[in-house]
Amino acid sequence: MDEFFTAPVVEKQAAVIPDALWDMTILGAGPGGLTAGIYAGRSGLNVIILEKLSPGGQIAVSEQIDNYPGFPDGISGTELVERMEKQAVRFGTRIVMEEVMRISKEGKLFVVTTTGNKKYRTKTIIISTGADPVKLPVPEEEKFRGKGISYCATCDAAFFRGKDVAIVGGGDTAITDALHLTRFANKVTIVHRRRELRAVKALQEEVFANPKIMFQWDSIPSHVIGDEMVEGLEIENVKTREKKVLKVNGIFAAIGTVPNSKIVRGIVELDERGFIKTNHNRETSVPGIFAVGDVRDTPLRQVITAAGDGAIAEFSAENYIKLMER
């Protein structure tokens, strides 16, 4: 068996030395945070990743990832996360399951306080806390997530080649996703709670001209129908209260994304939606704090872009450390 899979992972649970000074503290063990940890470990930095739940973020609940390079047959989100985690640990990165409660400044250093009032003194911080899609408001959401319910058309459209799908939403993201889905699906039905779309005019003109796209106006999803996989979507008209069932194999939700940026609100600059503003070096408005992945203001939220962010942020943080130590 490949050495990669036999690398010991016991360091993940190794005791953390009290009052240790860390070169880098990464908040969140998603693909961006784990990649930063891999690069930092390989550079010989003293680095720790703090994760409140379990490594992986959104990709950990993805049954199949087909657009990450190097896996021509695809790979499950769980397996990809495990590989990234083992690789980070192999290079000496510590991964500790603790929730971050506060970030403060102590001279040139930062202090990250976690549950139980544990404190981590660190030279740099990389924020990799991700973002959560607004869930489809149906009782069966959890049952069918990854089994017909998707929050990423770019990721999952190819799984619905030749099938009928629905997309819930009416903004730019929903309409862009609907147009993307027409490259694969037989028919795309847009379910929108209003009578008109919120997307920009150019997108509206394109979507209205596409013969593969149908509309269900003034409607909201109420139930998902199926046994093991999605077989239909029940919708309800918000004006007449009439209900009908759309026979679809896939349901894409595009009703918003909420960044997990609460921990740095009031510390770094955020945009109007709460995403962290960064420059091309993934630097935030506070020197020494960097942001990667879905929590930052990025036009594309994918595993590969988060991983790329992690590499760039680690490189930038490493240069920051060199300058502060001169």
C-alpha atoms as a PDB file:
ATOM      1  CA  MET A   1       0.000   0.000   0.000  1.00  0.00           C
ATOM      2  CA  ASP A   2       1.109   3.537  -0.780  1.00  0.00           C
ATOM      3  CA  GLU A   3       3.010   5.312   2.036  1.00  0.00           C
ATOM      4  CA  PHE A   4       0.457   8.100   1.808  1.00  0.00           C
ATOM      5  CA  PHE A   5      -2.204   5.911   3.372  1.00  0.00           C
ATOM      6  CA  THR A   6       0.015   4.383   6.020  1.00  0.00           C
ATOM      7  CA  ALA A   7       1.260   7.679   7.444  1.00  0.00           C
ATOM      8  CA  PRO A   8       0.482   7.805  11.187  1.00  0.00           C
ATOM      9  CA  VAL A   9      -2.270  10.194  12.242  1.00  0.00           C
ATOM     10  CA  VAL A  10      -1.762  10.020  15.999  1.00  0.00           C
ATOM     11  CA  GLU A  11      -0.340  13.554  16.008  1.00  0.00           C
ATOM     12  CA  LYS A  12      -3.811  14.898  15.315  1.00  0.00           C
ATOM     13  CA  GLN A  13      -4.783  14.160  18.897  1.00  0.00           C
ATOM     14  CA  ALA A  14      -1.385  14.861  20.438  1.00  0.00           C
ATOM     15  CA  ALA A  15      -1.369  17.131  23.457  1.00  0.00           C
ATOM     16  CA  VAL A  16      -0.857  20.799  22.660  1.00  0.00           C
ATOM     17  CA  ILE A  17       1.876  22.457  24.717  1.00  0.00           C
ATOM     18  CA  PRO A  18       0.428  25.232  26.923  1.00  0.00           C
ATOM     19  CA  ASP A  19       1.693  28.739  26.116  1.00  0.00           C
ATOM     20  CA  ALA A  20       3.319  27.528  22.879  1.00  0.00           C
ATOM     21  CA  LEU A  21       3.918  30.160  20.228  1.00  0.00           C
ATOM     22  CA  TRP A  22       2.544  29.121  16.859  1.00  0.00           C
ATOM     23  CA  ASP A  23       3.780  30.445  13.551  1.00  0.00           C
ATOM     24  CA  MET A  24       0.363  29.926  12.045  1.00  0.00           C
ATOM     25  CA  THR A  25      -3.097  29.140  13.379  1.00  0.00           C
ATOM     26  CA  ILE A  26      -5.690  28.042  10.837  1.00  0.00           C
ATOM     27  CA  LEU A  27      -9.362  28.328  11.719  1.00  0.00           C
ATOM     28  CA  GLY A  28     -11.286  25.582   9.940  1.00  0.00           C
ATOM     29  CA  ALA A  29     -10.222  22.268   8.400  1.00  0.00           C
ATOM     30  CA  GLY A  30     -11.894  22.569   5.029  1.00  0.00           C
ATOM     31  CA  PRO A  31      -9.919  22.101   1.778  1.00  0.00           C
ATOM     32  CA  GLY A  32      -8.469  25.624   2.041  1.00  0.00           C
ATOM     33  CA  GLY A  33      -7.358  25.219   5.645  1.00  0.00           C
ATOM     34  CA  LEU A  34      -5.970  21.720   5.117  1.00  0.00           C
ATOM     35  CA  THR A  35      -4.023  22.826   2.038  1.00  0.00           C
ATOM     36  CA  ALA A  36      -2.557  25.740   3.987  1.00  0.00           C
ATOM     37  CA  GLY A  37      -1.628  23.242   6.700  1.00  0.00           C
ATOM     38  CA  ILE A  38       0.099  20.979   4.172  1.00  0.00           C
ATOM     39  CA  TYR A  39       2.147  23.842   2.756  1.00  0.00           C
ATOM     40  CA  ALA A  40       3.001  25.254   6.198  1.00  0.00           C
ATOM     41  CA  GLY A  41       4.042  21.849   7.516  1.00  0.00           C
ATOM     42  CA  ARG A  42       6.271  21.231   4.522  1.00  0.00           C
ATOM     43  CA  SER A  43       7.883  24.635   5.125  1.00  0.00           C
ATOM     44  CA  GLY A  44       8.751  23.620   8.670  1.00  0.00           C
ATOM     45  CA  LEU A  45       6.380  26.049  10.349  1.00  0.00           C
ATOM     46  CA  ASN A  46       4.806  25.368  13.730  1.00  0.00           C
ATOM     47  CA  VAL A  47       1.169  25.236  12.634  1.00  0.00           C
ATOM     48  CA  ILE A  48      -2.128  24.216  14.189  1.00  0.00           C
ATOM     49  CA  ILE A  49      -5.610  23.847  12.703  1.00  0.00           C
ATOM     50  CA  LEU A  50      -8.606  24.475  14.966  1.00  0.00           C
ATOM     51  CA  GLU A  51     -11.866  22.859  13.821  1.00  0.00           C
ATOM     52  CA  LYS A  52     -15.115  22.976  15.774  1.00  0.00           C
ATOM     53  CA  LEU A  53     -16.824  19.968  14.140  1.00  0.00           C
ATOM     54  CA  SER A  54     -14.922  17.640  11.843  1.00  0.00           C
ATOM     55  CA  PRO A  55     -12.517  18.175   8.928  1.00  0.00           C
ATOM     56  CA  GLY A  56     -13.860  18.741   5.467  1.00  0.00           C
ATOM     57  CA  GLY A  57     -16.538  21.385   5.599  1.00  0.00           C
ATOM     58  CA  GLN A  58     -19.103  21.124   2.804  1.00  0.00           C
ATOM     59  CA  ILE A  59     -17.178  18.531   0.798  1.00  0.00           C
ATOM     60  CA  ALA A  60     -17.389  16.013   3.635  1.00  0.00           C
ATOM     61  CA  VAL A  61     -21.094  15.552   2.831  1.00  0.00           C
ATOM     62  CA  SER A  62     -20.588  15.288  -0.944  1.00  0.00           C
ATOM     63  CA  GLU A  63     -21.142  11.750  -2.153  1.00  0.00           C
ATOM     64  CA  GLN A  64     -19.126  12.218  -5.336  1.00  0.00           C
ATOM     65  CA  ILE A  65     -16.676  14.864  -6.561  1.00  0.00           C
ATOM     66  CA  ASP A  66     -15.930  14.593 -10.275  1.00  0.00           C
ATOM     67  CA  ASN A  67     -14.194  17.896 -11.011  1.00  0.00           C
ATOM     68  CA  TYR A  68     -11.128  17.687  -8.760  1.00  0.00           C
ATOM     69  CA  PRO A  69      -8.027  17.008 -10.886  1.00  0.00           C
ATOM     70  CA  GLY A  70      -6.261  13.691 -10.532  1.00  0.00           C
ATOM     71  CA  PHE A  71      -9.342  11.539  -9.965  1.00  0.00           C
ATOM     72  CA  PRO A  72     -10.675  10.528 -13.407  1.00  0.00           C
ATOM     73  CA  ASP A  73     -13.287   8.235 -11.847  1.00  0.00           C
ATOM     74  CA  GLY A  74     -14.278  10.791  -9.210  1.00  0.00           C
ATOM     75  CA  ILE A  75     -13.849  10.527  -5.453  1.00  0.00           C
ATOM     76  CA  SER A  76     -16.194  10.808  -2.487  1.00  0.00           C
ATOM     77  CA  GLY A  77     -15.982  13.954  -0.424  1.00  0.00           C
ATOM     78  CA  THR A  78     -15.216  11.907   2.680  1.00  0.00           C
ATOM     79  CA  GLU A  79     -12.263  10.147   1.074  1.00  0.00           C
ATOM     80  CA  LEU A  80     -10.828  13.352  -0.373  1.00  0.00           C
ATOM     81  CA  VAL A  81     -10.974  14.992   3.067  1.00  0.00           C
ATOM     82  CA  GLU A  82      -9.298  11.989   4.696  1.00  0.00           C
ATOM     83  CA  ARG A  83      -6.465  12.142   2.173  1.00  0.00           C
ATOM     84  CA  MET A  84      -5.958  15.881   2.729  1.00  0.00           C
ATOM     85  CA  GLU A  85      -6.050  15.428   6.501  1.00  0.00           C
ATOM     86  CA  LYS A  86      -3.485  12.585   6.474  1.00  0.00           C
ATOM     87  CA  GLN A  87      -1.231  14.612   4.230  1.00  0.00           C
ATOM     88  CA  ALA A  88      -1.353  17.655   6.536  1.00  0.00           C
ATOM     89  CA  VAL A  89      -0.649  15.532   9.611  1.00  0.00           C
ATOM     90  CA  ARG A  90       2.170  13.737   7.815  1.00  0.00           C
ATOM     91  CA  PHE A  91       4.004  17.074   7.526  1.00  0.00           C
ATOM     92  CA  GLY A  92       3.585  17.881  11.213  1.00  0.00           C
ATOM     93  CA  THR A  93       0.415  19.985  11.238  1.00  0.00           C
ATOM     94  CA  ARG A  94      -1.617  19.616  14.439  1.00  0.00           C
ATOM     95  CA  ILE A  95      -5.404  19.347  14.099  1.00  0.00           C
ATOM     96  CA  VAL A  96      -7.398  20.050  17.244  1.00  0.00           C
ATOM     97  CA  MET A  97     -11.179  19.841  17.601  1.00  0.00           C
ATOM     98  CA  GLU A  98     -12.058  23.066  19.403  1.00  0.00           C
ATOM     99  CA  GLU A  99     -14.396  25.926  18.617  1.00  0.00           C
ATOM    100  CA  VAL A 100     -12.865  29.380  18.352  1.00  0.00           C
ATOM    101  CA  MET A 101     -14.625  31.902  20.560  1.00  0.00           C
ATOM    102  CA  ARG A 102     -12.501  35.033  20.211  1.00  0.00           C
ATOM    103  CA  ILE A 103      -9.553  36.607  18.402  1.00  0.00           C
ATOM    104  CA  SER A 104      -7.531  39.381  20.040  1.00  0.00           C
ATOM    105  CA  LYS A 105      -4.208  41.176  19.572  1.00  0.00           C
ATOM    106  CA  GLU A 106      -1.236  41.005  21.954  1.00  0.00           C
ATOM    107  CA  GLY A 107       1.533  43.266  20.686  1.00  0.00           C
ATOM    108  CA  LYS A 108       2.657  41.848  17.338  1.00  0.00           C
ATOM    109  CA  LEU A 109       0.958  38.559  18.075  1.00  0.00           C
ATOM    110  CA  PHE A 110      -2.628  37.328  17.941  1.00  0.00           C
ATOM    111  CA  VAL A 111      -4.386  35.345  20.649  1.00  0.00           C
ATOM    112  CA  VAL A 112      -7.015  32.809  19.584  1.00  0.00           C
ATOM    113  CA  THR A 113      -9.284  31.754  22.455  1.00  0.00           C
ATOM    114  CA  THR A 114     -11.267  28.539  22.156  1.00  0.00           C
ATOM    115  CA  THR A 115     -13.820  26.685  24.255  1.00  0.00           C
ATOM    116  CA  GLY A 116     -12.697  26.189  27.842  1.00  0.00           C
ATOM    117  CA  ASN A 117     -10.780  29.480  27.648  1.00  0.00           C
ATOM    118  CA  LYS A 118      -7.811  27.790  25.963  1.00  0.00           C
ATOM    119  CA  LYS A 119      -5.500  30.313  24.335  1.00  0.00           C
ATOM    120  CA  TYR A 120      -3.253  29.972  21.296  1.00  0.00           C
ATOM    121  CA  ARG A 121      -0.623  32.679  20.755  1.00  0.00           C
ATOM    122  CA  THR A 122       0.205  32.945  17.083  1.00  0.00           C
ATOM    123  CA  LYS A 123       2.089  35.075  14.574  1.00  0.00           C
ATOM    124  CA  THR A 124      -0.478  34.671  11.791  1.00  0.00           C
ATOM    125  CA  ILE A 125      -4.066  33.512  11.327  1.00  0.00           C
ATOM    126  CA  ILE A 126      -5.707  31.972   8.278  1.00  0.00           C
ATOM    127  CA  ILE A 127      -9.516  32.062   8.325  1.00  0.00           C
ATOM    128  CA  SER A 128     -10.957  28.989   6.591  1.00  0.00           C
ATOM    129  CA  THR A 129     -14.368  28.785   8.231  1.00  0.00           C
ATOM    130  CA  GLY A 130     -16.375  28.350   5.035  1.00  0.00           C
ATOM    131  CA  ALA A 131     -19.946  29.238   4.222  1.00  0.00           C
ATOM    132  CA  ASP A 132     -23.240  27.412   4.420  1.00  0.00           C
ATOM    133  CA  PRO A 133     -25.902  27.375   1.700  1.00  0.00           C
ATOM    134  CA  VAL A 134     -29.377  28.370   2.801  1.00  0.00           C
ATOM    135  CA  LYS A 135     -31.094  24.995   3.052  1.00  0.00           C
ATOM    136  CA  LEU A 136     -34.026  23.992   0.929  1.00  0.00           C
ATOM    137  CA  PRO A 137     -37.069  24.620   3.165  1.00  0.00           C
ATOM    138  CA  VAL A 138     -38.591  21.140   3.025  1.00  0.00           C
ATOM    139  CA  PRO A 139     -38.885  18.465   5.755  1.00  0.00           C
ATOM    140  CA  GLU A 140     -36.998  15.943   3.616  1.00  0.00           C
ATOM    141  CA  GLU A 141     -33.906  18.122   3.035  1.00  0.00           C
ATOM    142  CA  GLU A 142     -31.549  16.064   5.180  1.00  0.00           C
ATOM    143  CA  LYS A 143     -32.780  12.742   3.794  1.00  0.00           C
ATOM    144  CA  PHE A 144     -32.216  13.693   0.158  1.00  0.00           C
ATOM    145  CA  ARG A 145     -29.170  15.972   0.429  1.00  0.00           C
ATOM    146  CA  GLY A 146     -26.622  14.432  -1.924  1.00  0.00           C
ATOM    147  CA  LYS A 147     -29.300  12.054  -3.214  1.00  0.00           C
ATOM    148  CA  GLY A 148     -30.955  14.437  -5.628  1.00  0.00           C
ATOM    149  CA  ILE A 149     -30.807  17.676  -3.641  1.00  0.00           C
ATOM    150  CA  SER A 150     -27.756  19.729  -4.547  1.00  0.00           C
ATOM    151  CA  TYR A 151     -26.418  23.164  -3.675  1.00  0.00           C
ATOM    152  CA  CYS A 152     -23.824  23.305  -6.436  1.00  0.00           C
ATOM    153  CA  ALA A 153     -24.838  23.137 -10.093  1.00  0.00           C
ATOM    154  CA  THR A 154     -21.229  23.514 -11.217  1.00  0.00           C
ATOM    155  CA  CYS A 155     -20.316  20.445  -9.166  1.00  0.00           C
ATOM    156  CA  ASP A 156     -23.264  18.170  -9.834  1.00  0.00           C
ATOM    157  CA  ALA A 157     -24.896  19.097 -13.155  1.00  0.00           C
ATOM    158  CA  ALA A 158     -23.232  16.233 -15.040  1.00  0.00           C
ATOM    159  CA  PHE A 159     -24.955  13.676 -12.788  1.00  0.00           C
ATOM    160  CA  PHE A 160     -28.310  14.722 -14.276  1.00  0.00           C
ATOM    161  CA  ARG A 161     -27.528  14.336 -17.945  1.00  0.00           C
ATOM    162  CA  GLY A 162     -30.734  13.718 -19.891  1.00  0.00           C
ATOM    163  CA  LYS A 163     -32.944  14.109 -16.796  1.00  0.00           C
ATOM    164  CA  ASP A 164     -35.474  16.670 -15.628  1.00  0.00           C
ATOM    165  CA  VAL A 165     -34.446  18.944 -12.774  1.00  0.00           C
ATOM    166  CA  ALA A 166     -35.778  21.892 -10.790  1.00  0.00           C
ATOM    167  CA  ILE A 167     -33.907  24.871  -9.428  1.00  0.00           C
ATOM    168  CA  VAL A 168     -35.258  26.995  -6.589  1.00  0.00           C
ATOM    169  CA  GLY A 169     -34.428  30.699  -6.656  1.00  0.00           C
ATOM    170  CA  GLY A 170     -34.625  33.756  -8.876  1.00  0.00           C
ATOM    171  CA  GLY A 171     -31.397  35.698  -8.411  1.00  0.00           C
ATOM    172  CA  ASP A 172     -28.208  35.815 -10.470  1.00  0.00           C
ATOM    173  CA  THR A 173     -26.881  32.554  -9.021  1.00  0.00           C
ATOM    174  CA  ALA A 174     -30.098  30.639  -9.660  1.00  0.00           C
ATOM    175  CA  ILE A 175     -30.364  31.840 -13.244  1.00  0.00           C
ATOM    176  CA  THR A 176     -26.682  31.247 -13.987  1.00  0.00           C
ATOM    177  CA  ASP A 177     -27.054  27.747 -12.535  1.00  0.00           C
ATOM    178  CA  ALA A 178     -30.193  27.111 -14.584  1.00  0.00           C
ATOM    179  CA  LEU A 179     -28.385  28.037 -17.788  1.00  0.00           C
ATOM    180  CA  HIS A 180     -25.475  25.778 -16.834  1.00  0.00           C
ATOM    181  CA  LEU A 181     -27.855  22.897 -16.113  1.00  0.00           C
ATOM    182  CA  THR A 182     -29.344  23.104 -19.618  1.00  0.00           C
ATOM    183  CA  ARG A 183     -26.040  21.791 -20.975  1.00  0.00           C
ATOM    184  CA  PHE A 184     -26.804  18.470 -19.295  1.00  0.00           C
ATOM    185  CA  ALA A 185     -30.447  18.183 -18.239  1.00  0.00           C
ATOM    186  CA  ASN A 186     -33.377  17.456 -20.515  1.00  0.00           C
ATOM    187  CA  LYS A 187     -35.547  20.140 -18.896  1.00  0.00           C
ATOM    188  CA  VAL A 188     -34.941  22.713 -16.156  1.00  0.00           C
ATOM    189  CA  THR A 189     -37.843  24.168 -14.180  1.00  0.00           C
ATOM    190  CA  ILE A 190     -37.204  27.354 -12.216  1.00  0.00           C
ATOM    191  CA  VAL A 191     -39.333  27.584  -9.064  1.00  0.00           C
ATOM    192  CA  HIS A 192     -39.564  31.158  -7.811  1.00  0.00           C
ATOM    193  CA  ARG A 193     -41.717  32.622  -5.059  1.00  0.00           C
ATOM    194  CA  ARG A 194     -42.337  35.839  -7.020  1.00  0.00           C
ATOM    195  CA  ARG A 195     -43.746  36.655 -10.434  1.00  0.00           C
ATOM    196  CA  GLU A 196     -40.521  38.170 -11.703  1.00  0.00           C
ATOM    197  CA  LEU A 197     -36.862  37.302 -11.450  1.00  0.00           C
ATOM    198  CA  ARG A 198     -34.287  39.259  -9.442  1.00  0.00           C
ATOM    199  CA  ALA A 199     -31.404  38.423 -11.786  1.00  0.00           C
ATOM    200  CA  VAL A 200     -29.779  41.074 -13.973  1.00  0.00           C
ATOM    201  CA  LYS A 201     -31.524  41.854 -17.242  1.00  0.00           C
ATOM    202  CA  ALA A 202     -28.930  40.196 -19.482  1.00  0.00           C
ATOM    203  CA  LEU A 203     -29.332  36.883 -17.631  1.00  0.00           C
ATOM    204  CA  GLN A 204     -33.118  37.172 -17.738  1.00  0.00           C
ATOM    205  CA  GLU A 205     -33.095  37.664 -21.499  1.00  0.00           C
ATOM    206  CA  GLU A 206     -30.894  34.605 -21.912  1.00  0.00           C
ATOM    207  CA  VAL A 207     -32.972  32.376 -19.663  1.00  0.00           C
ATOM    208  CA  PHE A 208     -36.313  33.396 -21.221  1.00  0.00           C
ATOM    209  CA  ALA A 209     -34.930  32.564 -24.669  1.00  0.00           C
ATOM    210  CA  ASN A 210     -33.781  29.071 -23.685  1.00  0.00           C
ATOM    211  CA  PRO A 211     -36.303  26.416 -24.806  1.00  0.00           C
ATOM    212  CA  LYS A 212     -35.141  23.949 -22.139  1.00  0.00           C
ATOM    213  CA  ILE A 213     -36.174  26.233 -19.269  1.00  0.00           C
ATOM    214  CA  MET A 214     -39.692  26.359 -17.800  1.00  0.00           C
ATOM    215  CA  PHE A 215     -41.054  28.475 -14.927  1.00  0.00           C
ATOM    216  CA  GLN A 216     -43.271  27.938 -11.917  1.00  0.00           C
ATOM    217  CA  TRP A 217     -44.044  31.448 -10.678  1.00  0.00           C
ATOM    218  CA  ASP A 218     -45.320  32.471  -7.230  1.00  0.00           C
ATOM    219  CA  SER A 219     -44.327  29.037  -5.940  1.00  0.00           C
ATOM    220  CA  ILE A 220     -42.304  27.545  -3.118  1.00  0.00           C
ATOM    221  CA  PRO A 221     -41.117  23.977  -2.485  1.00  0.00           C
ATOM    222  CA  SER A 222     -43.146  22.111   0.145  1.00  0.00           C
ATOM    223  CA  HIS A 223     -42.102  18.446  -0.041  1.00  0.00           C
ATOM    224  CA  VAL A 224     -39.606  16.190  -1.794  1.00  0.00           C
ATOM    225  CA  ILE A 225     -40.966  12.903  -3.094  1.00  0.00           C
ATOM    226  CA  GLY A 226     -39.003   9.674  -3.438  1.00  0.00           C
ATOM    227  CA  ASP A 227     -37.717   6.567  -1.708  1.00  0.00           C
ATOM    228  CA  GLU A 228     -33.914   6.431  -1.878  1.00  0.00           C
ATOM    229  CA  MET A 229     -33.462   9.200  -4.455  1.00  0.00           C
ATOM    230  CA  VAL A 230     -35.437  12.282  -5.505  1.00  0.00           C
ATOM    231  CA  GLU A 231     -38.367  11.413  -7.764  1.00  0.00           C
ATOM    232  CA  GLY A 232     -40.389  14.592  -7.539  1.00  0.00           C
ATOM    233  CA  LEU A 233     -40.876  18.000  -5.952  1.00  0.00           C
ATOM    234  CA  GLU A 234     -44.171  19.175  -4.526  1.00  0.00           C
ATOM    235  CA  ILE A 235     -44.613  22.946  -4.871  1.00  0.00           C
ATOM    236  CA  GLU A 236     -47.245  25.303  -3.494  1.00  0.00           C
ATOM    237  CA  ASN A 237     -48.529  28.501  -5.080  1.00  0.00           C
ATOM    238  CA  VAL A 238     -48.160  31.261  -2.481  1.00  0.00           C
ATOM    239  CA  LYS A 239     -51.260  33.078  -3.773  1.00  0.00           C
ATOM    240  CA  THR A 240     -53.753  30.317  -4.505  1.00  0.00           C
ATOM    241  CA  ARG A 241     -52.310  27.652  -2.139  1.00  0.00           C
ATOM    242  CA  GLU A 242     -52.695  25.169  -4.982  1.00  0.00           C
ATOM    243  CA  LYS A 243     -50.197  22.314  -4.858  1.00  0.00           C
ATOM    244  CA  LYS A 244     -48.690  20.327  -7.709  1.00  0.00           C
ATOM    245  CA  VAL A 245     -45.904  17.801  -8.164  1.00  0.00           C
ATOM    246  CA  LEU A 246     -43.043  18.267 -10.598  1.00  0.00           C
ATOM    247  CA  LYS A 247     -41.544  14.987 -11.784  1.00  0.00           C
ATOM    248  CA  VAL A 248     -37.841  15.670 -11.409  1.00  0.00           C
ATOM    249  CA  ASN A 249     -34.752  13.658 -10.516  1.00  0.00           C
ATOM    250  CA  GLY A 250     -32.769  16.569  -9.186  1.00  0.00           C
ATOM    251  CA  ILE A 251     -33.444  19.699  -7.135  1.00  0.00           C
ATOM    252  CA  PHE A 252     -30.900  22.517  -7.018  1.00  0.00           C
ATOM    253  CA  ALA A 253     -31.217  25.154  -4.312  1.00  0.00           C
ATOM    254  CA  ALA A 254     -29.872  28.640  -5.058  1.00  0.00           C
ATOM    255  CA  ILE A 255     -31.515  30.753  -2.387  1.00  0.00           C
ATOM    256  CA  GLY A 256     -28.453  32.197  -0.729  1.00  0.00           C
ATOM    257  CA  THR A 257     -25.161  31.498   1.020  1.00  0.00           C
ATOM    258  CA  VAL A 258     -24.243  32.530   4.560  1.00  0.00           C
ATOM    259  CA  PRO A 259     -20.522  33.016   5.323  1.00  0.00           C
ATOM    260  CA  ASN A 260     -19.180  31.769   8.651  1.00  0.00           C
ATOM    261  CA  SER A 261     -17.471  35.068   9.377  1.00  0.00           C
ATOM    262  CA  LYS A 262     -19.023  35.953  12.731  1.00  0.00           C
ATOM    263  CA  ILE A 263     -15.754  35.326  14.577  1.00  0.00           C
ATOM    264  CA  VAL A 264     -14.012  38.162  12.677  1.00  0.00           C
ATOM    265  CA  ARG A 265     -16.904  40.600  12.443  1.00  0.00           C
ATOM    266  CA  GLY A 266     -15.635  43.933  13.684  1.00  0.00           C
ATOM    267  CA  ILE A 267     -12.018  42.797  13.246  1.00  0.00           C
ATOM    268  CA  VAL A 268     -11.506  42.524   9.475  1.00  0.00           C
ATOM    269  CA  GLU A 269     -13.387  44.233   6.673  1.00  0.00           C
ATOM    270  CA  LEU A 270     -16.429  42.357   5.320  1.00  0.00           C
ATOM    271  CA  ASP A 271     -18.571  43.028   2.276  1.00  0.00           C
ATOM    272  CA  GLU A 272     -22.288  43.790   2.446  1.00  0.00           C
ATOM    273  CA  ARG A 273     -23.142  40.060   2.590  1.00  0.00           C
ATOM    274  CA  GLY A 274     -20.644  39.282   5.345  1.00  0.00           C
ATOM    275  CA  PHE A 275     -17.910  37.704   3.212  1.00  0.00           C
ATOM    276  CA  ILE A 276     -14.316  38.602   4.110  1.00  0.00           C
ATOM    277  CA  LYS A 277     -12.642  41.047   1.754  1.00  0.00           C
ATOM    278  CA  THR A 278      -9.174  39.997   0.598  1.00  0.00           C
ATOM    279  CA  ASN A 279      -6.604  41.075  -1.963  1.00  0.00           C
ATOM    280  CA  HIS A 280      -4.878  38.793  -4.473  1.00  0.00           C
ATOM    281  CA  ASN A 281      -2.499  37.589  -1.726  1.00  0.00           C
ATOM    282  CA  ARG A 282      -5.530  36.533   0.362  1.00  0.00           C
ATOM    283  CA  GLU A 283      -4.629  39.242   2.898  1.00  0.00           C
ATOM    284  CA  THR A 284      -7.494  40.777   4.866  1.00  0.00           C
ATOM    285  CA  SER A 285      -7.656  44.373   6.065  1.00  0.00           C
ATOM    286  CA  VAL A 286      -5.640  43.346   9.150  1.00  0.00           C
ATOM    287  CA  PRO A 287      -1.953  42.525   8.534  1.00  0.00           C
ATOM    288  CA  GLY A 288      -1.226  38.964   9.630  1.00  0.00           C
ATOM    289  CA  ILE A 289      -4.783  37.711   9.110  1.00  0.00           C
ATOM    290  CA  PHE A 290      -5.591  35.920   5.843  1.00  0.00           C
ATOM    291  CA  ALA A 291      -8.779  34.332   4.499  1.00  0.00           C
ATOM    292  CA  VAL A 292      -9.346  31.414   2.130  1.00  0.00           C
ATOM    293  CA  GLY A 293     -12.172  29.450   0.557  1.00  0.00           C
ATOM    294  CA  ASP A 294     -15.885  30.083   0.732  1.00  0.00           C
ATOM    295  CA  VAL A 295     -15.727  32.582   3.605  1.00  0.00           C
ATOM    296  CA  ARG A 296     -13.970  35.176   1.444  1.00  0.00           C
ATOM    297  CA  ASP A 297     -15.340  37.293  -1.398  1.00  0.00           C
ATOM    298  CA  THR A 298     -14.700  34.951  -4.303  1.00  0.00           C
ATOM    299  CA  PRO A 299     -16.584  34.502  -7.593  1.00  0.00           C
ATOM    300  CA  LEU A 300     -16.289  30.702  -7.473  1.00  0.00           C
ATOM    301  CA  ARG A 301     -16.720  28.421  -4.471  1.00  0.00           C
ATOM    302  CA  GLN A 302     -15.187  25.052  -5.325  1.00  0.00           C
ATOM    303  CA  VAL A 303     -12.806  22.594  -3.671  1.00  0.00           C
ATOM    304  CA  ILE A 304     -10.050  23.448  -6.117  1.00  0.00           C
ATOM    305  CA  THR A 305     -10.346  27.220  -5.635  1.00  0.00           C
ATOM    306  CA  ALA A 306     -10.318  26.805  -1.844  1.00  0.00           C
ATOM    307  CA  ALA A 307      -7.195  24.643  -2.103  1.00  0.00           C
ATOM    308  CA  GLY A 308      -5.563  27.257  -4.332  1.00  0.00           C
ATOM    309  CA  ASP A 309      -6.478  29.943  -1.806  1.00  0.00           C
ATOM    310  CA  GLY A 310      -4.850  27.881   0.944  1.00  0.00           C
ATOM    311  CA  ALA A 311      -1.556  27.649  -0.945  1.00  0.00           C
ATOM    312  CA  ILE A 312      -1.520  31.385  -1.705  1.00  0.00           C
ATOM    313  CA  ALA A 313      -2.450  32.388   1.845  1.00  0.00           C
ATOM    314  CA  GLU A 314       0.226  30.156   3.371  1.00  0.00           C
ATOM    315  CA  PHE A 315       2.859  31.640   1.053  1.00  0.00           C
ATOM    316  CA  SER A 316       1.723  35.164   1.977  1.00  0.00           C
ATOM    317  CA  ALA A 317       1.670  34.339   5.699  1.00  0.00           C
ATOM    318  CA  GLU A 318       5.137  32.834   5.499  1.00  0.00           C
ATOM    319  CA  ASN A 319       6.459  36.027   3.919  1.00  0.00           C
ATOM    320  CA  TYR A 320       4.689  38.074   6.601  1.00  0.00           C
ATOM    321  CA  ILE A 321       6.432  36.043   9.333  1.00  0.00           C
ATOM    322  CA  LYS A 322       9.835  36.598   7.692  1.00  0.00           C
ATOM    323  CA  LEU A 323       9.260  40.360   7.623  1.00  0.00           C
ATOM    324  CA  MET A 324       8.074  40.563  11.237  1.00  0.00           C
ATOM    325  CA  GLU A 325      11.125  38.618  12.429  1.00  0.00           C
ATOM    326  CA  ARG A 326      13.683  40.900  10.760  1.00  0.00           C
END
